[in-house]
Amino acid sequence: ADSRVVMSRIVWYVVGFIIALLAIRVLLLMLGANRDSGFVDFIYALSGVFAAPFVNIFPAPTYGQFFFDTASVVAIVVYALIAWGISKLFTLNRPAGSTDV
């Protein structure tokens, strides 16, 4: 595989990992997961770094202990768009007949 394709795949792998963490965060918050659990605390701490820039963009509705984390949803969309843009930069100058994916 071409080095540009490899770099594009690496970008998608890293951003895919971040998006997966954020999706787990959204799910745990929506289901009111116990914050005293080690796993839940670990996911919140790790994913909170990636969600932090998007906090307070939209009001986050709270239903008792259940919480819809709009910051993480916005972060997922933004990181996916950034990954798409970066991966496109790697393959912009690909020759016309190239079939690399």
N, C-alpha and C. Protein backbone atom coordinates (compact mmCIF):
# COMPACT_ATOMS: atom_id res chain seq x y z
N ALA A 1 0.84 -1.19 0.00
CA ALA A 1 0.00 0.00 0.00
C ALA A 1 0.87 1.25 0.00
N ASP A 2 0.41 2.24 -0.65
CA ASP A 2 1.06 3.54 -0.74
C ASP A 2 1.16 4.16 0.65
N SER A 3 2.23 4.90 0.92
CA SER A 3 2.42 5.51 2.24
C SER A 3 1.30 6.50 2.57
N ARG A 4 0.74 7.14 1.56
CA ARG A 4 -0.36 8.08 1.79
C ARG A 4 -1.61 7.34 2.29
N VAL A 5 -1.83 6.17 1.74
CA VAL A 5 -2.98 5.36 2.17
C VAL A 5 -2.76 4.88 3.60
N VAL A 6 -1.54 4.48 3.91
CA VAL A 6 -1.21 4.03 5.27
C VAL A 6 -1.43 5.16 6.27
N MET A 7 -0.98 6.36 5.93
CA MET A 7 -1.17 7.51 6.82
C MET A 7 -2.66 7.81 7.02
N SER A 8 -3.42 7.71 5.95
CA SER A 8 -4.86 7.94 6.04
C SER A 8 -5.50 6.91 6.97
N ARG A 9 -5.09 5.67 6.85
CA ARG A 9 -5.63 4.61 7.72
C ARG A 9 -5.25 4.84 9.18
N ILE A 10 -4.04 5.33 9.42
CA ILE A 10 -3.60 5.61 10.79
C ILE A 10 -4.46 6.72 11.40
N VAL A 11 -4.72 7.76 10.62
CA VAL A 11 -5.58 8.85 11.10
C VAL A 11 -6.94 8.31 11.48
N TRP A 12 -7.54 7.49 10.61
CA TRP A 12 -8.87 6.94 10.89
C TRP A 12 -8.84 6.00 12.10
N TYR A 13 -7.75 5.26 12.28
CA TYR A 13 -7.65 4.37 13.44
C TYR A 13 -7.64 5.18 14.74
N VAL A 14 -6.81 6.22 14.80
CA VAL A 14 -6.69 7.03 16.01
C VAL A 14 -8.01 7.75 16.30
N VAL A 15 -8.58 8.38 15.27
CA VAL A 15 -9.84 9.10 15.48
C VAL A 15 -10.97 8.11 15.77
N GLY A 16 -10.95 6.95 15.17
CA GLY A 16 -11.95 5.93 15.45
C GLY A 16 -11.91 5.51 16.91
N PHE A 17 -10.72 5.41 17.47
CA PHE A 17 -10.58 5.07 18.89
C PHE A 17 -11.18 6.17 19.76
N ILE A 18 -10.88 7.43 19.42
CA ILE A 18 -11.43 8.57 20.18
C ILE A 18 -12.95 8.59 20.08
N ILE A 19 -13.47 8.37 18.88
CA ILE A 19 -14.92 8.37 18.68
C ILE A 19 -15.57 7.23 19.47
N ALA A 20 -14.94 6.07 19.50
CA ALA A 20 -15.48 4.95 20.26
C ALA A 20 -15.53 5.28 21.75
N LEU A 21 -14.48 5.91 22.27
CA LEU A 21 -14.47 6.32 23.68
C LEU A 21 -15.61 7.29 23.97
N LEU A 22 -15.79 8.26 23.08
CA LEU A 22 -16.86 9.24 23.27
C LEU A 22 -18.24 8.59 23.18
N ALA A 23 -18.39 7.63 22.28
CA ALA A 23 -19.68 6.94 22.16
C ALA A 23 -19.99 6.14 23.42
N ILE A 24 -18.98 5.49 23.98
CA ILE A 24 -19.16 4.76 25.24
C ILE A 24 -19.54 5.74 26.35
N ARG A 25 -18.89 6.91 26.36
CA ARG A 25 -19.20 7.95 27.35
C ARG A 25 -20.67 8.36 27.26
N VAL A 26 -21.14 8.63 26.03
CA VAL A 26 -22.53 9.03 25.82
C VAL A 26 -23.47 7.95 26.35
N LEU A 27 -23.18 6.71 26.01
CA LEU A 27 -24.01 5.59 26.44
C LEU A 27 -24.04 5.46 27.96
N LEU A 28 -22.88 5.52 28.59
CA LEU A 28 -22.81 5.39 30.05
C LEU A 28 -23.56 6.52 30.75
N LEU A 29 -23.40 7.74 30.24
CA LEU A 29 -24.10 8.88 30.84
C LEU A 29 -25.61 8.77 30.63
N MET A 30 -26.02 8.32 29.45
CA MET A 30 -27.45 8.18 29.17
C MET A 30 -28.09 7.13 30.06
N LEU A 31 -27.34 6.10 30.37
CA LEU A 31 -27.89 5.01 31.18
C LEU A 31 -27.69 5.24 32.68
N GLY A 32 -27.07 6.37 33.04
CA GLY A 32 -26.87 6.69 34.46
C GLY A 32 -25.90 5.75 35.14
N ALA A 33 -24.81 5.41 34.46
CA ALA A 33 -23.82 4.46 35.01
C ALA A 33 -23.26 4.97 36.34
N ASN A 34 -22.92 4.03 37.22
CA ASN A 34 -22.39 4.31 38.54
C ASN A 34 -20.98 4.89 38.42
N ARG A 35 -20.81 6.14 38.83
CA ARG A 35 -19.51 6.81 38.73
C ARG A 35 -18.47 6.22 39.70
N ASP A 36 -18.92 5.44 40.66
CA ASP A 36 -17.99 4.81 41.60
C ASP A 36 -17.32 3.58 41.01
N SER A 37 -17.82 3.10 39.88
CA SER A 37 -17.22 1.95 39.20
C SER A 37 -15.89 2.37 38.58
N GLY A 38 -14.90 1.54 38.74
CA GLY A 38 -13.57 1.84 38.19
C GLY A 38 -13.57 2.02 36.68
N PHE A 39 -14.30 1.13 35.99
CA PHE A 39 -14.36 1.21 34.53
C PHE A 39 -15.03 2.50 34.08
N VAL A 40 -16.16 2.83 34.70
CA VAL A 40 -16.91 4.03 34.34
C VAL A 40 -16.05 5.27 34.60
N ASP A 41 -15.41 5.32 35.74
CA ASP A 41 -14.55 6.44 36.08
C ASP A 41 -13.40 6.57 35.08
N PHE A 42 -12.81 5.44 34.69
CA PHE A 42 -11.72 5.44 33.71
C PHE A 42 -12.19 6.00 32.36
N ILE A 43 -13.35 5.55 31.89
CA ILE A 43 -13.89 6.02 30.60
C ILE A 43 -14.20 7.51 30.68
N TYR A 44 -14.80 7.96 31.77
CA TYR A 44 -15.12 9.38 31.92
C TYR A 44 -13.85 10.23 31.93
N ALA A 45 -12.83 9.78 32.64
CA ALA A 45 -11.58 10.54 32.73
C ALA A 45 -10.88 10.61 31.38
N LEU A 46 -10.82 9.47 30.69
CA LEU A 46 -10.12 9.42 29.40
C LEU A 46 -10.88 10.18 28.32
N SER A 47 -12.17 9.99 28.24
CA SER A 47 -12.95 10.63 27.19
C SER A 47 -13.25 12.09 27.49
N GLY A 48 -13.21 12.47 28.76
CA GLY A 48 -13.48 13.85 29.14
C GLY A 48 -12.51 14.83 28.52
N VAL A 49 -11.28 14.39 28.31
CA VAL A 49 -10.27 15.23 27.66
C VAL A 49 -10.71 15.61 26.25
N PHE A 50 -11.30 14.66 25.55
CA PHE A 50 -11.71 14.90 24.15
C PHE A 50 -13.04 15.64 24.05
N ALA A 51 -13.87 15.52 25.07
CA ALA A 51 -15.17 16.21 25.07
C ALA A 51 -15.06 17.63 25.62
N ALA A 52 -14.04 17.91 26.40
CA ALA A 52 -13.91 19.20 27.10
C ALA A 52 -14.03 20.43 26.20
N PRO A 53 -13.43 20.47 25.01
CA PRO A 53 -13.54 21.68 24.19
C PRO A 53 -14.97 22.00 23.73
N PHE A 54 -15.87 21.05 23.87
CA PHE A 54 -17.22 21.22 23.35
C PHE A 54 -18.28 21.37 24.45
N VAL A 55 -17.83 21.45 25.69
CA VAL A 55 -18.75 21.60 26.82
C VAL A 55 -19.42 22.97 26.75
N ASN A 56 -20.69 23.00 27.07
CA ASN A 56 -21.52 24.22 27.12
C ASN A 56 -21.84 24.83 25.76
N ILE A 57 -21.64 24.12 24.68
CA ILE A 57 -22.08 24.62 23.37
C ILE A 57 -23.60 24.58 23.33
N PHE A 58 -24.17 23.46 23.76
CA PHE A 58 -25.62 23.30 23.84
C PHE A 58 -25.99 22.92 25.26
N PRO A 59 -27.18 23.29 25.70
CA PRO A 59 -27.59 22.82 27.02
C PRO A 59 -27.78 21.30 27.00
N ALA A 60 -27.30 20.65 28.03
CA ALA A 60 -27.41 19.19 28.10
C ALA A 60 -28.60 18.81 28.95
N PRO A 61 -29.61 18.18 28.35
CA PRO A 61 -30.78 17.80 29.13
C PRO A 61 -30.46 16.72 30.17
N THR A 62 -30.99 16.90 31.37
CA THR A 62 -30.81 15.93 32.44
C THR A 62 -32.18 15.40 32.85
N TYR A 63 -32.27 14.10 32.97
CA TYR A 63 -33.50 13.45 33.39
C TYR A 63 -33.19 12.65 34.64
N GLY A 64 -33.28 13.29 35.80
CA GLY A 64 -32.91 12.61 37.04
C GLY A 64 -31.42 12.32 37.03
N GLN A 65 -31.04 11.07 37.15
CA GLN A 65 -29.63 10.72 37.10
C GLN A 65 -29.16 10.44 35.67
N PHE A 66 -30.09 10.44 34.72
CA PHE A 66 -29.75 10.19 33.32
C PHE A 66 -29.43 11.51 32.64
N PHE A 67 -28.40 11.49 31.80
CA PHE A 67 -27.85 12.72 31.25
C PHE A 67 -27.50 12.49 29.78
N PHE A 68 -27.94 13.39 28.92
CA PHE A 68 -27.56 13.30 27.50
C PHE A 68 -26.42 14.26 27.26
N ASP A 69 -25.24 13.73 26.97
CA ASP A 69 -24.01 14.52 26.85
C ASP A 69 -23.88 15.09 25.44
N THR A 70 -24.41 16.29 25.25
CA THR A 70 -24.35 16.92 23.93
C THR A 70 -22.92 17.26 23.53
N ALA A 71 -22.07 17.54 24.50
CA ALA A 71 -20.67 17.87 24.20
C ALA A 71 -19.99 16.69 23.51
N SER A 72 -20.23 15.48 23.97
CA SER A 72 -19.60 14.31 23.36
C SER A 72 -20.16 14.04 21.97
N VAL A 73 -21.45 14.29 21.77
CA VAL A 73 -22.04 14.09 20.44
C VAL A 73 -21.44 15.08 19.45
N VAL A 74 -21.32 16.33 19.85
CA VAL A 74 -20.70 17.34 18.98
C VAL A 74 -19.24 16.95 18.72
N ALA A 75 -18.54 16.50 19.75
CA ALA A 75 -17.14 16.09 19.59
C ALA A 75 -17.01 14.95 18.58
N ILE A 76 -17.91 13.98 18.63
CA ILE A 76 -17.86 12.86 17.68
C ILE A 76 -17.97 13.38 16.25
N VAL A 77 -18.92 14.28 16.01
CA VAL A 77 -19.11 14.83 14.66
C VAL A 77 -17.88 15.63 14.22
N VAL A 78 -17.37 16.49 15.09
CA VAL A 78 -16.22 17.33 14.75
C VAL A 78 -14.98 16.48 14.47
N TYR A 79 -14.71 15.51 15.34
CA TYR A 79 -13.52 14.68 15.14
C TYR A 79 -13.64 13.84 13.86
N ALA A 80 -14.82 13.37 13.55
CA ALA A 80 -15.02 12.62 12.31
C ALA A 80 -14.77 13.50 11.09
N LEU A 81 -15.25 14.73 11.13
CA LEU A 81 -15.02 15.66 10.01
C LEU A 81 -13.55 16.01 9.88
N ILE A 82 -12.87 16.21 10.99
CA ILE A 82 -11.43 16.50 10.96
C ILE A 82 -10.67 15.32 10.37
N ALA A 83 -11.00 14.11 10.81
CA ALA A 83 -10.33 12.91 10.28
C ALA A 83 -10.57 12.77 8.78
N TRP A 84 -11.81 13.02 8.37
CA TRP A 84 -12.11 12.94 6.94
C TRP A 84 -11.27 13.94 6.16
N GLY A 85 -11.18 15.17 6.66
CA GLY A 85 -10.39 16.20 5.97
C GLY A 85 -8.92 15.86 5.91
N ILE A 86 -8.36 15.39 7.02
CA ILE A 86 -6.94 15.03 7.04
C ILE A 86 -6.67 13.85 6.12
N SER A 87 -7.53 12.85 6.14
CA SER A 87 -7.31 11.67 5.28
C SER A 87 -7.43 12.05 3.81
N LYS A 88 -8.30 13.00 3.49
CA LYS A 88 -8.41 13.47 2.10
C LYS A 88 -7.15 14.19 1.67
N LEU A 89 -6.52 14.91 2.58
CA LEU A 89 -5.26 15.60 2.25
C LEU A 89 -4.18 14.62 1.83
N PHE A 90 -4.16 13.45 2.46
CA PHE A 90 -3.14 12.45 2.12
C PHE A 90 -3.36 11.88 0.72
N THR A 91 -4.59 11.83 0.27
CA THR A 91 -4.88 11.19 -1.01
C THR A 91 -5.24 12.19 -2.11
N LEU A 92 -5.06 13.48 -1.87
CA LEU A 92 -5.41 14.50 -2.86
C LEU A 92 -4.66 14.37 -4.17
N ASN A 93 -3.39 14.13 -4.10
CA ASN A 93 -2.56 14.11 -5.31
C ASN A 93 -2.34 12.70 -5.86
N ARG A 94 -3.27 11.81 -5.57
CA ARG A 94 -3.17 10.45 -6.06
C ARG A 94 -3.36 10.45 -7.58
N PRO A 95 -2.59 9.67 -8.32
CA PRO A 95 -2.74 9.61 -9.78
C PRO A 95 -4.17 9.23 -10.19
N ALA A 96 -4.62 9.70 -11.33
CA ALA A 96 -6.00 9.57 -11.78
C ALA A 96 -6.49 8.11 -11.83
N GLY A 97 -5.70 7.17 -12.31
CA GLY A 97 -6.16 5.80 -12.45
C GLY A 97 -5.93 4.93 -11.24
N SER A 98 -5.49 5.50 -10.13
CA SER A 98 -5.15 4.72 -8.96
C SER A 98 -6.40 4.08 -8.33
N THR A 99 -6.26 2.82 -7.92
CA THR A 99 -7.37 2.09 -7.31
C THR A 99 -7.13 1.87 -5.83
N ASP A 100 -6.08 2.47 -5.24
CA ASP A 100 -5.83 2.31 -3.80
C ASP A 100 -6.99 2.87 -3.01
N VAL A 101 -7.32 2.18 -1.93
CA VAL A 101 -8.43 2.64 -1.07
C VAL A 101 -7.89 2.96 0.29
